[in-house]
Amino acid sequence: MKKYRVGFGFDVHKTSRKKRDLVLAGVVIPCSFSLAAVSDGDVVLHAVADAICGATCLGDIGDHFPPRAKKSKNIDSKDIVKFILKKISKKHKISNIDLIIVAEKPRLVKHKKAMLSSLKKIFAISAVNVKIKSKEGLDILGGKNSLACLAVASVVKL
């Protein structure tokens, strides 16, 4: 009998006017702002990586990439994911990923297919679901000038 485990992840970043790309799910999204972060600020990959860490009892990505550490500065979030996937590869296999991206701007619906395709490739699974929600103008999940992502990952213990 397969033993499944589930983890929950969350990440949020403020918007920033710094001249850098807005990256979500490993996809560059054309936008007039980026996200303020030590890394590239990909809230989607951060939330999913934390969900996987939760399902496999690895703490969170901040334990492995502390914000004040040199190795964390401007790190590509795909490298964070690669590190986590390598840590779990011998004991766990990802079964599925489900996430919600919460943002007022930019409108992400036209980028959903690209983000879904990117996530399937990065995590090497087909069972990935992406939902996009607005904050309905409410000051929740980091305020009006932020982007957030909530993620759930299930893994099978090998």
C-alpha atoms as a PDB file:
ATOM      1  CA  MET A   1       0.000   0.000   0.000  1.00  0.00           C
ATOM      2  CA  LYS A   2       1.352   3.415  -0.970  1.00  0.00           C
ATOM      3  CA  LYS A   3       1.822   5.939   1.793  1.00  0.00           C
ATOM      4  CA  TYR A   4       0.821   9.452   0.777  1.00  0.00           C
ATOM      5  CA  ARG A   5       1.832  12.629   2.559  1.00  0.00           C
ATOM      6  CA  VAL A   6       0.518  16.156   2.019  1.00  0.00           C
ATOM      7  CA  GLY A   7       2.207  19.511   2.523  1.00  0.00           C
ATOM      8  CA  PHE A   8       0.998  23.108   2.377  1.00  0.00           C
ATOM      9  CA  GLY A   9       3.019  26.050   1.118  1.00  0.00           C
ATOM     10  CA  PHE A  10       2.504  29.801   1.059  1.00  0.00           C
ATOM     11  CA  ASP A  11       4.531  32.724  -0.213  1.00  0.00           C
ATOM     12  CA  VAL A  12       3.880  36.437  -0.676  1.00  0.00           C
ATOM     13  CA  HIS A  13       6.000  39.348  -1.886  1.00  0.00           C
ATOM     14  CA  LYS A  14       5.437  43.079  -2.239  1.00  0.00           C
ATOM     15  CA  THR A  15       5.535  44.586  -5.674  1.00  0.00           C
ATOM     16  CA  SER A  16       8.603  46.603  -6.615  1.00  0.00           C
ATOM     17  CA  ARG A  17       9.504  49.107  -9.334  1.00  0.00           C
ATOM     18  CA  LYS A  18      13.054  47.699  -9.607  1.00  0.00           C
ATOM     19  CA  LYS A  19      14.105  46.905 -13.150  1.00  0.00           C
ATOM     20  CA  ARG A  20      13.856  43.139 -13.120  1.00  0.00           C
ATOM     21  CA  ASP A  21      11.482  40.541 -14.498  1.00  0.00           C
ATOM     22  CA  LEU A  22       8.308  39.357 -12.840  1.00  0.00           C
ATOM     23  CA  VAL A  23       8.738  35.575 -12.733  1.00  0.00           C
ATOM     24  CA  LEU A  24       5.887  33.235 -11.794  1.00  0.00           C
ATOM     25  CA  ALA A  25       6.082  29.439 -12.074  1.00  0.00           C
ATOM     26  CA  GLY A  26       9.399  29.872 -13.878  1.00  0.00           C
ATOM     27  CA  VAL A  27       7.747  32.030 -16.588  1.00  0.00           C
ATOM     28  CA  VAL A  28       8.671  35.661 -17.259  1.00  0.00           C
ATOM     29  CA  ILE A  29       5.446  37.681 -17.188  1.00  0.00           C
ATOM     30  CA  PRO A  30       5.512  41.038 -19.021  1.00  0.00           C
ATOM     31  CA  CYS A  31       4.659  43.600 -16.378  1.00  0.00           C
ATOM     32  CA  SER A  32       5.460  47.125 -15.172  1.00  0.00           C
ATOM     33  CA  PHE A  33       6.660  45.803 -11.806  1.00  0.00           C
ATOM     34  CA  SER A  34       8.606  42.955 -10.257  1.00  0.00           C
ATOM     35  CA  LEU A  35       8.516  41.451  -6.780  1.00  0.00           C
ATOM     36  CA  ALA A  36      10.703  42.575  -3.887  1.00  0.00           C
ATOM     37  CA  ALA A  37      12.679  39.535  -2.766  1.00  0.00           C
ATOM     38  CA  VAL A  38      16.132  38.235  -1.945  1.00  0.00           C
ATOM     39  CA  SER A  39      15.764  35.674  -4.752  1.00  0.00           C
ATOM     40  CA  ASP A  40      14.006  36.192  -8.090  1.00  0.00           C
ATOM     41  CA  GLY A  41      10.755  36.388  -6.074  1.00  0.00           C
ATOM     42  CA  ASP A  42       8.875  33.566  -7.827  1.00  0.00           C
ATOM     43  CA  VAL A  43       6.062  33.155  -5.272  1.00  0.00           C
ATOM     44  CA  VAL A  44       4.697  30.143  -7.145  1.00  0.00           C
ATOM     45  CA  LEU A  45       7.892  28.083  -7.041  1.00  0.00           C
ATOM     46  CA  HIS A  46       8.507  29.174  -3.441  1.00  0.00           C
ATOM     47  CA  ALA A  47       5.032  28.072  -2.319  1.00  0.00           C
ATOM     48  CA  VAL A  48       5.282  24.738  -4.146  1.00  0.00           C
ATOM     49  CA  ALA A  49       8.790  24.092  -2.783  1.00  0.00           C
ATOM     50  CA  ASP A  50       7.507  24.809   0.738  1.00  0.00           C
ATOM     51  CA  ALA A  51       4.560  22.454   0.177  1.00  0.00           C
ATOM     52  CA  ILE A  52       6.977  19.695  -0.846  1.00  0.00           C
ATOM     53  CA  CYS A  53       9.152  20.478   2.177  1.00  0.00           C
ATOM     54  CA  GLY A  54       6.059  20.169   4.360  1.00  0.00           C
ATOM     55  CA  ALA A  55       5.029  16.832   2.881  1.00  0.00           C
ATOM     56  CA  THR A  56       8.530  15.422   3.361  1.00  0.00           C
ATOM     57  CA  CYS A  57       9.339  17.032   6.749  1.00  0.00           C
ATOM     58  CA  LEU A  58      12.177  19.186   5.381  1.00  0.00           C
ATOM     59  CA  GLY A  59      11.172  22.377   7.177  1.00  0.00           C
ATOM     60  CA  ASP A  60      10.832  25.235   4.716  1.00  0.00           C
ATOM     61  CA  ILE A  61      12.966  26.795   1.992  1.00  0.00           C
ATOM     62  CA  GLY A  62      14.180  29.467   4.425  1.00  0.00           C
ATOM     63  CA  ASP A  63      15.896  26.687   6.401  1.00  0.00           C
ATOM     64  CA  HIS A  64      17.889  25.722   3.301  1.00  0.00           C
ATOM     65  CA  PHE A  65      18.261  29.202   1.787  1.00  0.00           C
ATOM     66  CA  PRO A  66      18.299  31.721   4.652  1.00  0.00           C
ATOM     67  CA  PRO A  67      17.408  35.247   3.446  1.00  0.00           C
ATOM     68  CA  ARG A  68      20.667  36.760   4.762  1.00  0.00           C
ATOM     69  CA  ALA A  69      22.936  34.079   3.270  1.00  0.00           C
ATOM     70  CA  LYS A  70      25.052  35.009   0.232  1.00  0.00           C
ATOM     71  CA  LYS A  71      23.885  31.876  -1.612  1.00  0.00           C
ATOM     72  CA  SER A  72      20.287  33.125  -1.423  1.00  0.00           C
ATOM     73  CA  LYS A  73      20.861  36.545  -3.014  1.00  0.00           C
ATOM     74  CA  ASN A  74      19.310  36.717  -6.496  1.00  0.00           C
ATOM     75  CA  ILE A  75      19.013  32.918  -6.654  1.00  0.00           C
ATOM     76  CA  ASP A  76      16.859  31.545  -9.454  1.00  0.00           C
ATOM     77  CA  SER A  77      13.880  29.824  -7.835  1.00  0.00           C
ATOM     78  CA  LYS A  78      14.328  26.887 -10.210  1.00  0.00           C
ATOM     79  CA  ASP A  79      17.629  26.236  -8.406  1.00  0.00           C
ATOM     80  CA  ILE A  80      15.780  26.197  -5.071  1.00  0.00           C
ATOM     81  CA  VAL A  81      13.360  23.639  -6.507  1.00  0.00           C
ATOM     82  CA  LYS A  82      16.204  21.517  -7.943  1.00  0.00           C
ATOM     83  CA  PHE A  83      17.814  21.435  -4.491  1.00  0.00           C
ATOM     84  CA  ILE A  84      14.549  20.337  -2.805  1.00  0.00           C
ATOM     85  CA  LEU A  85      13.831  17.734  -5.486  1.00  0.00           C
ATOM     86  CA  LYS A  86      17.317  16.279  -5.090  1.00  0.00           C
ATOM     87  CA  LYS A  87      16.810  16.078  -1.297  1.00  0.00           C
ATOM     88  CA  ILE A  88      13.587  14.066  -1.677  1.00  0.00           C
ATOM     89  CA  SER A  89      14.439  11.976  -4.774  1.00  0.00           C
ATOM     90  CA  LYS A  90      15.444   8.765  -2.990  1.00  0.00           C
ATOM     91  CA  LYS A  91      12.565   8.647  -0.497  1.00  0.00           C
ATOM     92  CA  HIS A  92       9.587  10.423  -2.102  1.00  0.00           C
ATOM     93  CA  LYS A  93       7.897  10.984  -5.446  1.00  0.00           C
ATOM     94  CA  ILE A  94       5.597  13.941  -6.053  1.00  0.00           C
ATOM     95  CA  SER A  95       2.068  12.767  -6.811  1.00  0.00           C
ATOM     96  CA  ASN A  96       0.306  16.048  -7.535  1.00  0.00           C
ATOM     97  CA  ILE A  97       0.469  19.807  -7.056  1.00  0.00           C
ATOM     98  CA  ASP A  98      -2.469  22.174  -6.690  1.00  0.00           C
ATOM     99  CA  LEU A  99      -2.042  25.917  -6.302  1.00  0.00           C
ATOM    100  CA  ILE A 100      -3.791  29.250  -6.214  1.00  0.00           C
ATOM    101  CA  ILE A 101      -2.076  32.426  -7.383  1.00  0.00           C
ATOM    102  CA  VAL A 102      -3.650  35.485  -5.761  1.00  0.00           C
ATOM    103  CA  ALA A 103      -3.079  38.759  -7.615  1.00  0.00           C
ATOM    104  CA  GLU A 104      -4.902  41.901  -8.644  1.00  0.00           C
ATOM    105  CA  LYS A 105      -2.340  42.798 -11.293  1.00  0.00           C
ATOM    106  CA  PRO A 106      -1.158  41.742 -13.756  1.00  0.00           C
ATOM    107  CA  ARG A 107      -3.987  39.781 -15.334  1.00  0.00           C
ATOM    108  CA  LEU A 108      -2.538  36.266 -15.344  1.00  0.00           C
ATOM    109  CA  VAL A 109      -5.224  34.305 -17.185  1.00  0.00           C
ATOM    110  CA  LYS A 110      -3.427  34.613 -20.541  1.00  0.00           C
ATOM    111  CA  HIS A 111      -0.247  33.184 -18.939  1.00  0.00           C
ATOM    112  CA  LYS A 112      -1.936  30.248 -17.219  1.00  0.00           C
ATOM    113  CA  LYS A 113      -1.115  27.658 -19.913  1.00  0.00           C
ATOM    114  CA  ALA A 114       2.556  28.682 -19.989  1.00  0.00           C
ATOM    115  CA  MET A 115       2.780  28.522 -16.188  1.00  0.00           C
ATOM    116  CA  LEU A 116       1.072  25.117 -16.129  1.00  0.00           C
ATOM    117  CA  SER A 117       3.418  23.781 -18.802  1.00  0.00           C
ATOM    118  CA  SER A 118       6.453  25.164 -16.966  1.00  0.00           C
ATOM    119  CA  LEU A 119       5.403  23.575 -13.661  1.00  0.00           C
ATOM    120  CA  LYS A 120       4.798  20.191 -15.283  1.00  0.00           C
ATOM    121  CA  LYS A 121       8.286  20.338 -16.780  1.00  0.00           C
ATOM    122  CA  ILE A 122      10.054  21.603 -13.639  1.00  0.00           C
ATOM    123  CA  PHE A 123       8.458  18.978 -11.366  1.00  0.00           C
ATOM    124  CA  ALA A 124       8.331  16.224 -14.027  1.00  0.00           C
ATOM    125  CA  ILE A 125       4.698  15.351 -13.351  1.00  0.00           C
ATOM    126  CA  SER A 126       1.454  15.827 -15.253  1.00  0.00           C
ATOM    127  CA  ALA A 127      -0.843  16.187 -12.232  1.00  0.00           C
ATOM    128  CA  VAL A 128      -0.522  19.951 -11.742  1.00  0.00           C
ATOM    129  CA  ASN A 129      -3.407  22.368 -11.316  1.00  0.00           C
ATOM    130  CA  VAL A 130      -3.210  26.176 -11.386  1.00  0.00           C
ATOM    131  CA  LYS A 131      -5.980  28.489 -10.231  1.00  0.00           C
ATOM    132  CA  ILE A 132      -5.817  32.269 -10.486  1.00  0.00           C
ATOM    133  CA  LYS A 133      -7.835  34.475  -8.150  1.00  0.00           C
ATOM    134  CA  SER A 134      -8.037  38.210  -7.592  1.00  0.00           C
ATOM    135  CA  LYS A 135      -8.278  39.773  -4.155  1.00  0.00           C
ATOM    136  CA  GLU A 136     -11.499  41.487  -5.238  1.00  0.00           C
ATOM    137  CA  GLY A 137      -9.870  44.780  -4.309  1.00  0.00           C
ATOM    138  CA  LEU A 138      -9.530  43.684  -0.686  1.00  0.00           C
ATOM    139  CA  ASP A 139      -6.452  44.324   1.404  1.00  0.00           C
ATOM    140  CA  ILE A 140      -5.681  40.635   2.103  1.00  0.00           C
ATOM    141  CA  LEU A 141      -2.665  38.349   1.658  1.00  0.00           C
ATOM    142  CA  GLY A 142      -0.027  41.049   1.761  1.00  0.00           C
ATOM    143  CA  GLY A 143      -2.116  44.045   0.803  1.00  0.00           C
ATOM    144  CA  LYS A 144      -3.051  45.525  -2.538  1.00  0.00           C
ATOM    145  CA  ASN A 145       0.533  45.809  -3.799  1.00  0.00           C
ATOM    146  CA  SER A 146       1.516  42.165  -3.508  1.00  0.00           C
ATOM    147  CA  LEU A 147       1.303  38.774  -5.132  1.00  0.00           C
ATOM    148  CA  ALA A 148       0.732  35.570  -3.196  1.00  0.00           C
ATOM    149  CA  CYS A 149       0.546  31.863  -3.864  1.00  0.00           C
ATOM    150  CA  LEU A 150      -0.900  29.023  -1.822  1.00  0.00           C
ATOM    151  CA  ALA A 151       0.091  25.478  -2.766  1.00  0.00           C
ATOM    152  CA  VAL A 152      -0.617  21.911  -1.768  1.00  0.00           C
ATOM    153  CA  ALA A 153       1.607  19.010  -2.786  1.00  0.00           C
ATOM    154  CA  SER A 154       1.086  15.336  -2.199  1.00  0.00           C
ATOM    155  CA  VAL A 155       3.959  12.907  -2.320  1.00  0.00           C
ATOM    156  CA  VAL A 156       4.248   9.148  -2.247  1.00  0.00           C
ATOM    157  CA  LYS A 157       6.776   7.656   0.141  1.00  0.00           C
ATOM    158  CA  LEU A 158       8.949   5.197  -1.778  1.00  0.00           C
END
